[in-house]
Amino acid sequence: MILRALVDYYEILATSGEIARPGYCRAGVSYALDLSKDGELIGVIPLRIPVQRGKKMVEVPQPLEVPEQEKRTVGIKANFLCDNAGYILGVDRKGRPERAKQCFEAFKALHHEVLDGLDCTEATAVLSFLDRWRPEGAEDCAVLTDCFAELASGANLVFSVAGPGYAHESLSVRQAWERHRAGLDGATQMQCLVTGQKGPVARLHPSIRGIKGAQSMGVSVVSFNARAYESYGRDEQQGQNAPVGEYAAFAYTTALNHLLSDQGHKPSYGDTTVVYWAKSPNKIYRQIFAFALDPVGNSSSMSADKEAEGLIGDIFKKLVEGKPVGNVAPAFDPDTKFYILGLAPNAARLSVRFFLEDSFGDFLKNTAEHYRNLEIEKSPKEFAYLPLWKMMAETVPQNSKDKASSPLLSGCVLRSIFSGLPYPGLLYNSVMVRIRAQRDISSAKAAIVKACLTRNRKEKYKEELGVSLNEQSSNKAYLLGRLFAVLEKAQQDANPGLNATIKDRYFTSACATPASVFPLLLRLSNHHVSKSNYGFLSERRISDIMDKLEVEQNPFPARLNLDDQGIFILGYYHQQRANYVKKDKEEQ
């Protein structure tokens, strides 16, 4: 299903000319070796381009369409007209001169095999350069002096011959490469699992690059490296264990690499990298969904598409408010099929955290419902919508050196959001642990508690799961949370500038075992009320809440279960916000 969707997307992009054709791929290239028509090295052309990464401008390799590159493990396999300095120049900074020489000889042999007999300036120049080049003299070459260290670090190189353009772009060279590639097809003929067509099966699939935390040389989605994973009768036959045709293997890897190369639409949460695409060539779907994932613009997702920029705010606002979004723009169709794929590294392979398929409109509705669940009263300076990266950060200890959230938790939360399922219990538990440990109920943590209870316990706690304080609620846990906030405010009014309040000492106990703490806190409050200039306000608030608790009906339970502890926290947060809001109104 995943491979079929990616093959379909490749065909959409190939039709619009946005992606490499069979036999080619896109690779990051750092330098071009400038050759004369006689094959003499006359210069090195830097090809890196500046891009914005956060607040910094950095230089990265320029993506170019080059001949399809080999999948390497530990063996020596040369690429055609685009490779690193180890193969093109025979340079190795790891102290392995013999291996570097073997790599250069393999590169040279491949190019003689493909280009010999070709009447073409580019082919003649490249072969002449390879014939006269001596790897042992590379470090002393005057042309390479200024950039030798960077060349030897593994950067990709291409050839430029006597003018603009590159050797691999020559029509004659392309035709020679395609004939050579066609002549190598000696694969077993089988029915492709993706397309259903009978044809040559790919023995090894091209590598996937751009996954956070994965090997830089690339990883695989489909691979077999031990007999234990192979099918009966397919011992050591690699690709035949999951027969994917050569065209399908090329198409799905090319499409996935194309998605992963777009930094503005490739968010990561924990170790999970998320890619998404619509069954349409229109970029507006990815732009809108990128905004839905990060409505505060922490990443560069809100980039260059002017059409999308004019529609995103309106569409997303309508969705969160529950209004229909149809007919917003002719280019936007909510019924368009949309895919979301979560990938995580696993040694030299990829783990699929989740793969979701639905209409674009349904995905947006589920995401909008997620933001409605998180809605809670907060300071105007805070995010209007709690972004996913901030939400996951609330599950990590403040003093932790590794700020990444749990990989499994990130994947489960993302799947819940996009599919509209209840949030995983681990999310609720993780935030509750952070609240107990830090004794800090931020708006983000309170919003997560509210969202989890809304999805899982909405009918039971309907009145208490509002955006702001509900003074009419009679829920005991909610009232106890409100009472604790009022008692804390009374203490702060009596002792302005106090470094530690009752929250620092008693909050965890009050939340879990109210009967052991509240009698003591009420006795202390008498002193605070009498000392404060505004003690009568605190006394009135305490009295109002105690009337709702019904003193004769066991107002302080021996313990609260985990759900009621969440309601206690919401009651505390709502009352705390109301305390200061009312104070501001009184001052005005």
Protein backbone atom coordinates (compact mmCIF):
# COMPACT_ATOMS: atom_id res chain seq x y z
CA MET A 1 0.00 0.00 0.00
CA ILE A 2 2.80 2.44 0.91
CA LEU A 3 4.85 1.57 -2.18
CA ARG A 4 1.80 1.77 -4.46
CA ALA A 5 0.94 5.26 -3.16
CA LEU A 6 4.53 6.43 -3.67
CA VAL A 7 4.66 5.00 -7.21
CA ASP A 8 1.43 6.86 -8.05
CA TYR A 9 2.93 10.07 -6.66
CA TYR A 10 6.08 9.56 -8.73
CA GLU A 11 4.00 9.26 -11.88
CA ILE A 12 2.15 12.48 -11.01
CA LEU A 13 5.45 14.33 -10.51
CA ALA A 14 7.07 12.77 -13.58
CA THR A 15 4.14 13.93 -15.73
CA SER A 16 4.68 17.52 -14.53
CA GLY A 17 8.47 17.27 -15.00
CA GLU A 18 9.31 17.80 -11.31
CA ILE A 19 11.25 14.58 -10.69
CA ALA A 20 14.04 12.48 -12.17
CA ARG A 21 13.36 10.00 -14.97
CA PRO A 22 14.24 6.27 -14.74
CA GLY A 23 18.01 5.86 -14.75
CA TYR A 24 18.57 9.16 -12.95
CA CYS A 25 18.22 10.55 -9.46
CA ARG A 26 18.68 13.78 -7.55
CA ALA A 27 21.82 14.09 -5.46
CA GLY A 28 23.51 16.90 -3.54
CA VAL A 29 26.63 18.07 -5.39
CA SER A 30 29.26 20.34 -3.80
CA TYR A 31 31.82 20.93 -6.58
CA ALA A 32 32.35 20.59 -10.32
CA LEU A 33 35.78 19.71 -11.72
CA ASP A 34 36.33 22.09 -14.65
CA LEU A 35 38.13 20.31 -17.55
CA SER A 36 39.51 21.64 -20.79
CA LYS A 37 38.59 19.89 -24.06
CA ASP A 38 41.87 17.98 -23.74
CA GLY A 39 40.97 16.68 -20.29
CA GLU A 40 43.25 18.97 -18.28
CA LEU A 41 41.98 20.00 -14.83
CA ILE A 42 41.87 23.80 -14.93
CA GLY A 43 39.70 24.63 -11.92
CA VAL A 44 37.18 23.65 -9.25
CA ILE A 45 33.73 25.27 -9.34
CA PRO A 46 31.90 25.48 -5.97
CA LEU A 47 28.23 24.51 -6.27
CA ARG A 48 27.03 24.80 -2.67
CA ILE A 49 24.01 27.06 -2.18
CA PRO A 50 22.99 29.12 0.89
CA VAL A 51 19.82 28.09 2.74
CA GLN A 52 18.17 29.33 5.92
CA ARG A 53 18.39 26.86 8.82
CA GLY A 54 16.68 28.37 11.82
CA LYS A 55 18.33 31.74 12.42
CA LYS A 56 21.50 30.87 10.52
CA MET A 57 22.37 30.87 6.85
CA VAL A 58 24.35 27.77 5.91
CA GLU A 59 25.73 26.37 2.65
CA VAL A 60 24.50 22.96 1.50
CA PRO A 61 25.18 20.82 -1.60
CA GLN A 62 23.14 21.83 -4.64
CA PRO A 63 20.59 19.19 -5.72
CA LEU A 64 21.21 18.10 -9.33
CA GLU A 65 19.74 15.39 -11.52
CA VAL A 66 22.57 12.91 -12.08
CA PRO A 67 22.84 9.32 -13.38
CA GLU A 68 21.35 6.85 -10.92
CA GLN A 69 23.78 6.08 -8.11
CA GLU A 70 24.79 2.69 -6.81
CA LYS A 71 23.72 1.38 -3.43
CA ARG A 72 26.94 0.77 -1.47
CA THR A 73 27.69 -1.29 1.58
CA VAL A 74 31.34 -2.28 2.06
CA GLY A 75 32.12 -3.18 -1.53
CA ILE A 76 33.55 -0.94 -4.24
CA LYS A 77 30.95 0.32 -6.71
CA ALA A 78 31.55 3.38 -8.87
CA ASN A 79 28.86 5.84 -9.95
CA PHE A 80 28.70 7.37 -13.41
CA LEU A 81 29.91 11.00 -13.71
CA CYS A 82 28.92 11.92 -10.14
CA ASP A 83 30.79 10.54 -7.18
CA ASN A 84 32.97 11.49 -4.25
CA ALA A 85 36.69 12.31 -4.39
CA GLY A 86 37.60 8.78 -3.31
CA TYR A 87 36.38 7.44 -6.64
CA ILE A 88 36.99 10.42 -8.97
CA LEU A 89 40.40 11.49 -7.62
CA GLY A 90 41.53 8.42 -5.67
CA VAL A 91 41.74 10.48 -2.45
CA ASP A 92 41.19 8.89 0.97
CA ARG A 93 41.77 10.82 4.20
CA LYS A 94 41.21 7.70 6.35
CA GLY A 95 44.67 6.31 5.67
CA ARG A 96 43.62 3.65 3.15
CA PRO A 97 45.59 4.51 -0.03
CA GLU A 98 45.21 1.03 -1.52
CA ARG A 99 41.42 1.14 -1.25
CA ALA A 100 41.38 4.67 -2.70
CA LYS A 101 43.41 3.45 -5.66
CA GLN A 102 40.98 0.55 -6.21
CA CYS A 103 38.02 2.96 -6.09
CA PHE A 104 39.65 5.20 -8.71
CA GLU A 105 40.41 2.24 -10.98
CA ALA A 106 36.79 1.06 -10.69
CA PHE A 107 35.56 4.56 -11.61
CA LYS A 108 37.95 4.72 -14.56
CA ALA A 109 36.93 1.26 -15.81
CA LEU A 110 33.22 2.11 -15.65
CA HIS A 111 33.68 5.25 -17.73
CA HIS A 112 35.77 3.49 -20.36
CA GLU A 113 33.07 0.83 -20.55
CA VAL A 114 30.31 3.41 -21.07
CA LEU A 115 32.09 6.14 -23.07
CA ASP A 116 34.66 4.34 -25.23
CA GLY A 117 34.04 5.02 -28.91
CA LEU A 118 31.71 7.95 -28.23
CA ASP A 119 32.39 10.94 -30.52
CA CYS A 120 31.63 13.62 -27.98
CA THR A 121 33.71 16.45 -26.47
CA GLU A 122 32.53 15.69 -22.91
CA ALA A 123 33.27 11.97 -23.18
CA THR A 124 36.71 12.55 -24.71
CA ALA A 125 37.65 15.11 -22.03
CA VAL A 126 36.54 12.93 -19.12
CA LEU A 127 38.34 9.82 -20.39
CA SER A 128 41.49 11.83 -21.12
CA PHE A 129 41.43 13.24 -17.59
CA LEU A 130 41.03 9.79 -16.04
CA ASP A 131 43.85 8.33 -18.14
CA ARG A 132 46.37 10.98 -17.17
CA TRP A 133 45.33 11.50 -13.52
CA ARG A 134 47.62 10.08 -10.80
CA PRO A 135 45.90 9.73 -7.37
CA GLU A 136 49.22 9.85 -5.48
CA GLY A 137 49.77 13.43 -6.70
CA ALA A 138 46.30 14.73 -5.82
CA GLU A 139 47.36 16.48 -2.61
CA ASP A 140 50.13 18.37 -4.43
CA CYS A 141 47.88 19.53 -7.29
CA ALA A 142 47.84 23.36 -7.31
CA VAL A 143 44.24 23.49 -8.59
CA LEU A 144 42.97 21.49 -5.59
CA THR A 145 45.00 23.22 -2.86
CA ASP A 146 42.31 25.61 -1.57
CA CYS A 147 39.52 23.04 -1.32
CA PHE A 148 41.37 19.74 -0.94
CA ALA A 149 40.16 19.10 2.63
CA GLU A 150 36.51 19.62 1.67
CA LEU A 151 36.86 17.50 -1.46
CA ALA A 152 38.37 14.66 0.52
CA SER A 153 35.63 14.80 3.17
CA GLY A 154 33.18 12.92 0.94
CA ALA A 155 31.49 15.69 -1.06
CA ASN A 156 29.96 14.72 -4.41
CA LEU A 157 31.68 15.99 -7.57
CA VAL A 158 30.61 16.28 -11.20
CA PHE A 159 32.48 17.30 -14.39
CA SER A 160 32.18 20.53 -16.36
CA VAL A 161 33.84 20.60 -19.79
CA ALA A 162 34.78 23.83 -21.61
CA GLY A 163 31.75 25.92 -20.91
CA PRO A 164 28.39 26.02 -19.10
CA GLY A 165 26.58 22.84 -18.18
CA TYR A 166 27.89 19.51 -16.94
CA ALA A 167 29.23 16.43 -18.71
CA HIS A 168 26.34 14.22 -17.55
CA GLU A 169 23.84 16.61 -19.19
CA SER A 170 25.21 16.02 -22.70
CA LEU A 171 22.65 14.27 -24.94
CA SER A 172 25.26 11.84 -26.32
CA VAL A 173 26.47 10.96 -22.83
CA ARG A 174 22.91 10.42 -21.62
CA GLN A 175 22.15 8.09 -24.50
CA ALA A 176 25.35 6.12 -23.85
CA TRP A 177 24.44 5.80 -20.16
CA GLU A 178 20.90 4.62 -20.93
CA ARG A 179 22.20 2.00 -23.41
CA HIS A 180 24.69 0.78 -20.83
CA ARG A 181 22.03 0.62 -18.12
CA ALA A 182 19.66 -1.31 -20.39
CA GLY A 183 22.41 -3.80 -21.17
CA LEU A 184 22.85 -4.59 -17.47
CA ASP A 185 19.28 -5.84 -17.07
CA GLY A 186 19.79 -9.51 -16.31
CA ALA A 187 17.35 -9.66 -13.44
CA THR A 188 14.91 -12.50 -12.81
CA GLN A 189 11.48 -12.03 -14.40
CA MET A 190 8.67 -12.10 -11.80
CA GLN A 191 5.35 -10.43 -11.10
CA CYS A 192 5.82 -7.10 -9.28
CA LEU A 193 4.03 -6.87 -5.94
CA VAL A 194 3.37 -3.16 -6.50
CA THR A 195 2.26 -2.80 -10.11
CA GLY A 196 1.17 -6.40 -10.81
CA GLN A 197 3.17 -6.36 -14.05
CA LYS A 198 5.60 -9.13 -14.93
CA GLY A 199 9.16 -7.92 -15.56
CA PRO A 200 12.69 -7.72 -14.15
CA VAL A 201 12.81 -7.65 -10.33
CA ALA A 202 15.11 -5.20 -8.51
CA ARG A 203 17.77 -7.14 -6.59
CA LEU A 204 18.67 -4.12 -4.41
CA HIS A 205 16.44 -1.09 -3.96
CA PRO A 206 17.92 2.45 -4.11
CA SER A 207 18.76 4.05 -0.75
CA ILE A 208 16.49 6.47 1.10
CA ARG A 209 18.24 9.62 2.37
CA GLY A 210 17.14 12.45 4.64
CA ILE A 211 15.69 10.53 7.61
CA LYS A 212 16.57 12.10 10.96
CA GLY A 213 19.06 9.91 12.86
CA ALA A 214 19.57 7.46 9.97
CA GLN A 215 22.85 6.68 8.23
CA SER A 216 23.93 9.50 5.93
CA MET A 217 24.76 7.05 3.13
CA GLY A 218 21.10 6.02 3.05
CA VAL A 219 18.83 3.28 4.39
CA SER A 220 16.36 0.77 2.97
CA VAL A 221 12.65 0.20 3.27
CA VAL A 222 12.84 -3.29 1.72
CA SER A 223 15.92 -5.46 2.36
CA PHE A 224 16.98 -8.96 3.46
CA ASN A 225 20.40 -9.47 5.02
CA ALA A 226 20.09 -12.87 6.68
CA ARG A 227 18.58 -16.22 5.76
CA ALA A 228 16.27 -16.04 8.80
CA TYR A 229 14.30 -13.29 7.07
CA GLU A 230 14.08 -14.97 3.67
CA SER A 231 11.18 -16.95 2.25
CA TYR A 232 11.35 -20.70 1.78
CA GLY A 233 13.09 -21.54 -1.46
CA ARG A 234 14.49 -17.98 -1.84
CA ASP A 235 17.75 -18.48 0.03
CA GLU A 236 20.27 -15.72 -0.74
CA GLN A 237 18.11 -14.38 -3.55
CA GLN A 238 17.57 -10.97 -1.91
CA GLY A 239 15.00 -9.07 -4.01
CA GLN A 240 13.07 -12.22 -4.94
CA ASN A 241 11.82 -12.53 -1.33
CA ALA A 242 9.64 -9.46 -1.93
CA PRO A 243 9.59 -9.09 -5.71
CA VAL A 244 9.35 -5.41 -6.63
CA GLY A 245 9.90 -4.53 -10.27
CA GLU A 246 12.84 -2.34 -11.22
CA TYR A 247 10.53 0.45 -12.34
CA ALA A 248 8.49 0.35 -9.10
CA ALA A 249 11.66 0.26 -6.96
CA PHE A 250 13.04 3.27 -8.78
CA ALA A 251 9.72 5.13 -8.69
CA TYR A 252 8.90 4.73 -4.99
CA THR A 253 12.45 5.54 -3.81
CA THR A 254 12.69 8.56 -6.11
CA ALA A 255 9.34 9.91 -4.90
CA LEU A 256 10.23 9.35 -1.24
CA ASN A 257 13.66 10.97 -1.63
CA HIS A 258 11.96 13.90 -3.36
CA LEU A 259 9.64 14.35 -0.37
CA LEU A 260 12.50 14.03 2.11
CA SER A 261 14.60 16.62 0.29
CA ASP A 262 12.01 19.31 1.04
CA GLN A 263 13.17 20.67 4.40
CA GLY A 264 10.11 22.89 4.80
CA HIS A 265 7.69 19.96 4.67
CA LYS A 266 9.56 17.30 6.62
CA PRO A 267 8.86 17.78 10.35
CA SER A 268 10.31 15.40 12.92
CA TYR A 269 8.94 14.49 16.35
CA GLY A 270 11.25 12.44 18.56
CA ASP A 271 12.91 10.05 16.13
CA THR A 272 9.92 10.05 13.74
CA THR A 273 10.23 11.92 10.46
CA VAL A 274 6.84 12.70 8.91
CA VAL A 275 6.28 13.08 5.17
CA TYR A 276 2.94 13.71 3.52
CA TRP A 277 1.57 14.13 0.02
CA ALA A 278 -1.67 14.40 -1.92
CA LYS A 279 -2.70 12.48 -4.97
CA SER A 280 -2.43 15.72 -6.91
CA PRO A 281 0.35 17.83 -8.42
CA ASN A 282 -1.02 20.94 -6.67
CA LYS A 283 1.31 22.09 -3.87
CA ILE A 284 -1.44 23.82 -1.92
CA TYR A 285 -2.34 20.61 -0.05
CA ARG A 286 1.14 20.20 1.41
CA GLN A 287 1.29 23.91 2.26
CA ILE A 288 -2.00 23.83 4.13
CA PHE A 289 -1.15 20.64 5.99
CA ALA A 290 2.27 22.03 6.94
CA PHE A 291 0.51 24.97 8.57
CA ALA A 292 -1.87 22.61 10.37
CA LEU A 293 1.13 20.77 11.84
CA ASP A 294 2.88 23.98 12.90
CA PRO A 295 0.44 26.92 13.04
CA VAL A 296 2.93 29.12 14.92
CA GLY A 297 5.54 28.95 12.16
CA ASN A 298 8.42 27.41 14.15
CA SER A 299 9.77 25.81 10.96
CA SER A 300 10.15 27.07 7.44
CA SER A 301 6.97 25.33 6.36
CA MET A 302 5.30 28.62 5.46
CA SER A 303 7.53 29.20 2.50
CA ALA A 304 7.21 30.34 -0.99
CA ASP A 305 3.83 29.29 -2.38
CA LYS A 306 1.96 32.60 -2.74
CA GLU A 307 -1.34 30.94 -3.60
CA ALA A 308 -1.25 28.87 -0.43
CA GLU A 309 -0.21 31.82 1.76
CA GLY A 310 -3.41 33.64 0.84
CA LEU A 311 -5.64 30.66 1.71
CA ILE A 312 -4.03 28.88 4.63
CA GLY A 313 -5.11 31.23 7.41
CA ASP A 314 -8.72 31.35 6.23
CA ILE A 315 -8.99 27.58 5.69
CA PHE A 316 -7.42 26.67 9.02
CA LYS A 317 -9.49 29.18 10.97
CA LYS A 318 -12.69 27.81 9.43
CA LEU A 319 -11.66 24.26 10.31
CA VAL A 320 -10.88 25.02 13.95
CA GLU A 321 -14.19 26.88 14.28
CA GLY A 322 -16.01 23.90 12.77
CA LYS A 323 -17.15 25.75 9.66
CA PRO A 324 -17.23 24.14 6.18
CA VAL A 325 -14.20 24.84 4.00
CA GLY A 326 -15.57 23.83 0.61
CA ASN A 327 -15.40 26.33 -2.25
CA VAL A 328 -12.58 28.27 -0.60
CA ALA A 329 -10.59 28.09 -3.82
CA PRO A 330 -10.99 26.28 -7.16
CA ALA A 331 -7.64 24.54 -6.62
CA PHE A 332 -8.66 23.12 -3.23
CA ASP A 333 -10.71 19.91 -3.12
CA PRO A 334 -11.29 18.42 0.38
CA ASP A 335 -12.03 15.02 -1.17
CA THR A 336 -8.52 14.66 -2.64
CA LYS A 337 -6.80 11.54 -1.31
CA PHE A 338 -3.99 12.35 1.12
CA TYR A 339 -1.23 10.22 2.69
CA ILE A 340 0.84 10.63 5.88
CA LEU A 341 3.90 8.44 6.48
CA GLY A 342 5.93 8.33 9.71
CA LEU A 343 9.45 6.87 9.39
CA ALA A 344 12.09 6.14 12.03
CA PRO A 345 15.69 4.87 11.66
CA ASN A 346 16.55 1.29 12.55
CA ALA A 347 20.22 0.54 11.82
CA ALA A 348 20.50 0.39 8.00
CA ARG A 349 16.72 0.13 7.60
CA LEU A 350 13.59 2.16 8.15
CA SER A 351 10.81 1.43 10.61
CA VAL A 352 7.35 2.53 9.54
CA ARG A 353 5.79 4.15 12.62
CA PHE A 354 2.47 4.73 10.86
CA PHE A 355 0.93 5.08 7.43
CA LEU A 356 -2.44 6.80 7.13
CA GLU A 357 -4.62 7.22 4.07
CA ASP A 358 -7.78 9.33 3.96
CA SER A 359 -9.29 12.34 2.23
CA PHE A 360 -7.48 15.62 2.76
CA GLY A 361 -10.58 17.17 4.30
CA ASP A 362 -10.93 14.39 6.90
CA PHE A 363 -7.28 14.72 7.94
CA LEU A 364 -7.72 18.46 8.38
CA LYS A 365 -10.94 17.97 10.37
CA ASN A 366 -9.18 15.54 12.72
CA THR A 367 -6.27 17.95 13.14
CA ALA A 368 -8.66 20.85 13.78
CA GLU A 369 -10.52 18.74 16.36
CA HIS A 370 -7.18 18.14 18.07
CA TYR A 371 -6.61 21.91 18.40
CA ARG A 372 -10.15 22.40 19.70
CA ASN A 373 -9.49 19.78 22.38
CA LEU A 374 -6.35 21.68 23.40
CA GLU A 375 -8.10 25.05 23.59
CA ILE A 376 -7.75 26.61 27.04
CA GLU A 377 -7.56 30.08 28.54
CA LYS A 378 -4.02 31.45 28.39
CA SER A 379 -1.96 34.61 28.23
CA PRO A 380 -2.25 36.64 24.98
CA LYS A 381 1.53 36.33 24.63
CA GLU A 382 1.33 32.53 24.31
CA PHE A 383 0.71 30.48 21.17
CA ALA A 384 -2.83 30.72 19.85
CA TYR A 385 -2.56 27.02 18.93
CA LEU A 386 -0.31 24.62 20.82
CA PRO A 387 2.03 23.19 18.13
CA LEU A 388 2.94 19.52 18.09
CA TRP A 389 6.63 20.08 18.84
CA LYS A 390 5.73 22.13 21.93
CA MET A 391 3.18 19.56 23.01
CA MET A 392 5.75 16.75 22.88
CA ALA A 393 8.35 18.92 24.66
CA GLU A 394 6.03 19.06 27.70
CA THR A 395 6.59 15.33 28.27
CA VAL A 396 10.39 15.76 28.65
CA PRO A 397 12.10 16.72 31.97
CA GLN A 398 13.22 20.36 31.99
CA ASN A 399 16.79 19.48 33.00
CA SER A 400 17.19 16.65 30.49
CA LYS A 401 20.10 17.06 28.07
CA ASP A 402 18.17 15.14 25.44
CA LYS A 403 15.07 17.20 24.67
CA ALA A 404 13.61 14.62 22.28
CA SER A 405 10.39 12.99 23.44
CA SER A 406 9.86 9.23 23.58
CA PRO A 407 9.99 7.81 20.02
CA LEU A 408 7.09 5.44 20.60
CA LEU A 409 5.01 8.15 22.26
CA SER A 410 5.59 10.61 19.40
CA GLY A 411 4.43 8.07 16.83
CA CYS A 412 1.32 7.12 18.82
CA VAL A 413 0.33 10.75 19.42
CA LEU A 414 0.70 11.64 15.74
CA ARG A 415 -1.40 8.66 14.71
CA SER A 416 -4.10 9.64 17.23
CA ILE A 417 -4.22 13.23 15.99
CA PHE A 418 -4.46 12.39 12.29
CA SER A 419 -6.92 9.53 12.68
CA GLY A 420 -9.13 11.07 15.37
CA LEU A 421 -8.52 8.22 17.84
CA PRO A 422 -8.11 8.71 21.63
CA TYR A 423 -4.69 9.91 22.72
CA PRO A 424 -2.40 7.21 24.10
CA GLY A 425 -2.54 6.77 27.86
CA LEU A 426 1.24 7.31 27.99
CA LEU A 427 0.78 10.96 26.94
CA TYR A 428 -1.55 11.67 29.85
CA ASN A 429 0.65 9.77 32.31
CA SER A 430 3.82 11.51 31.09
CA VAL A 431 2.34 14.98 31.58
CA MET A 432 0.98 14.05 35.02
CA VAL A 433 4.46 12.84 36.03
CA ARG A 434 5.97 16.15 34.82
CA ILE A 435 3.39 18.13 36.83
CA ARG A 436 4.11 16.18 40.01
CA ALA A 437 7.88 16.45 39.56
CA GLN A 438 8.00 20.13 38.60
CA ARG A 439 4.88 21.31 40.51
CA ASP A 440 4.25 23.64 37.58
CA ILE A 441 0.94 23.71 35.73
CA SER A 442 1.69 25.64 32.56
CA SER A 443 -1.02 26.39 30.02
CA ALA A 444 0.51 23.73 27.72
CA LYS A 445 0.35 21.00 30.37
CA ALA A 446 -3.16 21.98 31.38
CA ALA A 447 -4.22 21.94 27.72
CA ILE A 448 -2.82 18.41 27.24
CA VAL A 449 -4.62 17.15 30.37
CA LYS A 450 -7.85 18.72 29.11
CA ALA A 451 -7.41 17.24 25.61
CA CYS A 452 -6.75 13.72 26.90
CA LEU A 453 -9.78 13.77 29.20
CA THR A 454 -11.94 15.31 26.46
CA ARG A 455 -11.17 12.46 24.06
CA ASN A 456 -11.38 9.67 26.64
CA ARG A 457 -13.82 10.88 29.33
CA LYS A 458 -15.88 13.66 27.76
CA GLU A 459 -19.30 12.41 28.91
CA LYS A 460 -18.18 11.91 32.50
CA TYR A 461 -16.51 15.32 32.92
CA LYS A 462 -18.39 17.41 30.37
CA GLU A 463 -18.86 20.48 32.61
CA GLU A 464 -15.26 20.61 33.84
CA LEU A 465 -13.57 20.37 30.40
CA GLY A 466 -14.26 23.93 29.31
CA VAL A 467 -11.85 26.58 28.14
CA SER A 468 -12.10 28.64 31.34
CA LEU A 469 -13.47 28.48 34.90
CA ASN A 470 -16.88 26.87 35.43
CA GLU A 471 -18.18 28.20 38.74
CA GLN A 472 -21.32 26.06 38.47
CA SER A 473 -19.50 22.72 38.50
CA SER A 474 -20.14 20.52 41.53
CA ASN A 475 -17.46 17.93 40.73
CA LYS A 476 -15.54 17.30 43.94
CA ALA A 477 -12.10 16.97 42.32
CA TYR A 478 -12.65 20.17 40.32
CA LEU A 479 -13.77 22.06 43.44
CA LEU A 480 -10.75 20.83 45.41
CA GLY A 481 -8.44 22.10 42.67
CA ARG A 482 -10.19 25.47 42.77
CA LEU A 483 -9.95 25.52 46.56
CA PHE A 484 -6.21 24.86 46.48
CA ALA A 485 -5.71 27.78 44.05
CA VAL A 486 -7.71 30.10 46.34
CA LEU A 487 -5.74 29.01 49.43
CA GLU A 488 -2.48 29.63 47.57
CA LYS A 489 -3.69 33.10 46.54
CA ALA A 490 -4.58 33.91 50.15
CA GLN A 491 -1.05 32.96 51.22
CA GLN A 492 0.50 35.13 48.47
CA ASP A 493 -1.67 38.13 49.45
CA ALA A 494 -0.60 37.77 53.09
CA ASN A 495 3.10 37.31 52.23
CA PRO A 496 3.96 39.20 48.99
CA GLY A 497 7.16 38.09 47.31
CA LEU A 498 7.13 34.67 48.98
CA ASN A 499 9.70 32.37 47.32
CA ALA A 500 7.81 29.13 48.02
CA THR A 501 4.07 28.69 48.43
CA ILE A 502 1.90 25.83 49.65
CA LYS A 503 2.00 24.51 46.07
CA ASP A 504 5.71 23.70 46.38
CA ARG A 505 5.15 21.60 49.49
CA TYR A 506 1.61 20.25 49.36
CA PHE A 507 0.37 20.22 45.74
CA THR A 508 1.22 16.58 44.93
CA SER A 509 -0.36 15.32 48.17
CA ALA A 510 -3.42 17.53 47.80
CA CYS A 511 -3.96 16.23 44.28
CA ALA A 512 -3.63 12.54 45.15
CA THR A 513 -4.75 12.32 48.82
CA PRO A 514 -6.85 15.41 49.67
CA ALA A 515 -7.93 14.18 53.12
CA SER A 516 -4.34 14.26 54.38
CA VAL A 517 -3.67 17.87 53.38
CA PHE A 518 -6.75 20.12 53.14
CA PRO A 519 -7.64 20.24 56.87
CA LEU A 520 -4.14 21.57 57.56
CA LEU A 521 -4.31 24.06 54.68
CA LEU A 522 -7.68 25.41 55.85
CA ARG A 523 -6.27 26.02 59.34
CA LEU A 524 -3.33 27.89 57.81
CA SER A 525 -5.67 29.95 55.68
CA ASN A 526 -7.22 31.54 58.79
CA HIS A 527 -3.86 33.16 59.53
CA HIS A 528 -3.39 34.25 55.91
CA VAL A 529 -6.87 35.76 55.67
CA SER A 530 -6.47 37.75 58.88
CA LYS A 531 -3.07 39.10 57.79
CA SER A 532 -4.00 40.13 54.22
CA ASN A 533 -5.48 43.52 53.29
CA TYR A 534 -7.80 41.71 50.88
CA GLY A 535 -8.46 38.74 53.12
CA PHE A 536 -12.23 39.19 52.91
CA LEU A 537 -12.10 38.32 49.18
CA SER A 538 -10.21 35.09 49.83
CA GLU A 539 -12.53 34.24 52.72
CA ARG A 540 -15.57 34.71 50.48
CA ARG A 541 -14.11 32.51 47.74
CA ILE A 542 -13.21 29.79 50.26
CA SER A 543 -16.72 29.91 51.72
CA ASP A 544 -18.37 29.67 48.29
CA ILE A 545 -16.35 26.60 47.33
CA MET A 546 -16.85 24.90 50.71
CA ASP A 547 -20.63 25.38 50.37
CA LYS A 548 -20.50 23.45 47.07
CA LEU A 549 -18.34 20.72 48.64
CA GLU A 550 -21.05 20.04 51.27
CA VAL A 551 -19.06 19.72 54.49
CA GLU A 552 -21.31 17.01 55.89
CA GLN A 553 -20.81 14.76 52.82
CA ASN A 554 -17.10 13.90 53.19
CA PRO A 555 -15.67 16.88 51.24
CA PHE A 556 -12.11 15.56 51.28
CA PRO A 557 -11.76 12.03 49.82
CA ALA A 558 -8.96 9.81 51.04
CA ARG A 559 -7.60 9.56 47.48
CA LEU A 560 -8.37 10.59 43.90
CA ASN A 561 -7.93 8.32 40.92
CA LEU A 562 -5.80 9.41 37.95
CA ASP A 563 -8.71 10.91 35.99
CA ASP A 564 -9.89 12.90 39.02
CA GLN A 565 -6.33 14.13 39.56
CA GLY A 566 -6.48 15.57 36.04
CA ILE A 567 -9.78 17.29 36.88
CA PHE A 568 -8.17 18.62 40.10
CA ILE A 569 -5.35 20.12 37.98
CA LEU A 570 -7.83 21.75 35.60
CA GLY A 571 -9.79 23.19 38.52
CA TYR A 572 -6.58 24.61 39.97
CA TYR A 573 -5.49 26.06 36.62
CA HIS A 574 -8.89 27.59 35.81
CA GLN A 575 -9.22 29.17 39.26
CA GLN A 576 -5.66 30.48 39.18
CA ARG A 577 -6.34 32.19 35.83
CA ALA A 578 -9.64 33.58 37.18
CA ASN A 579 -7.91 35.00 40.28
CA TYR A 580 -5.66 37.24 38.24
CA VAL A 581 -8.22 38.09 35.57
CA LYS A 582 -10.64 39.36 38.19
CA LYS A 583 -7.86 41.33 39.87
CA ASP A 584 -7.03 43.04 36.57
CA LYS A 585 -10.70 43.99 36.06
CA GLU A 586 -10.95 45.40 39.60
CA GLU A 587 -7.86 47.55 39.04
CA GLN A 588 -9.30 48.91 35.79
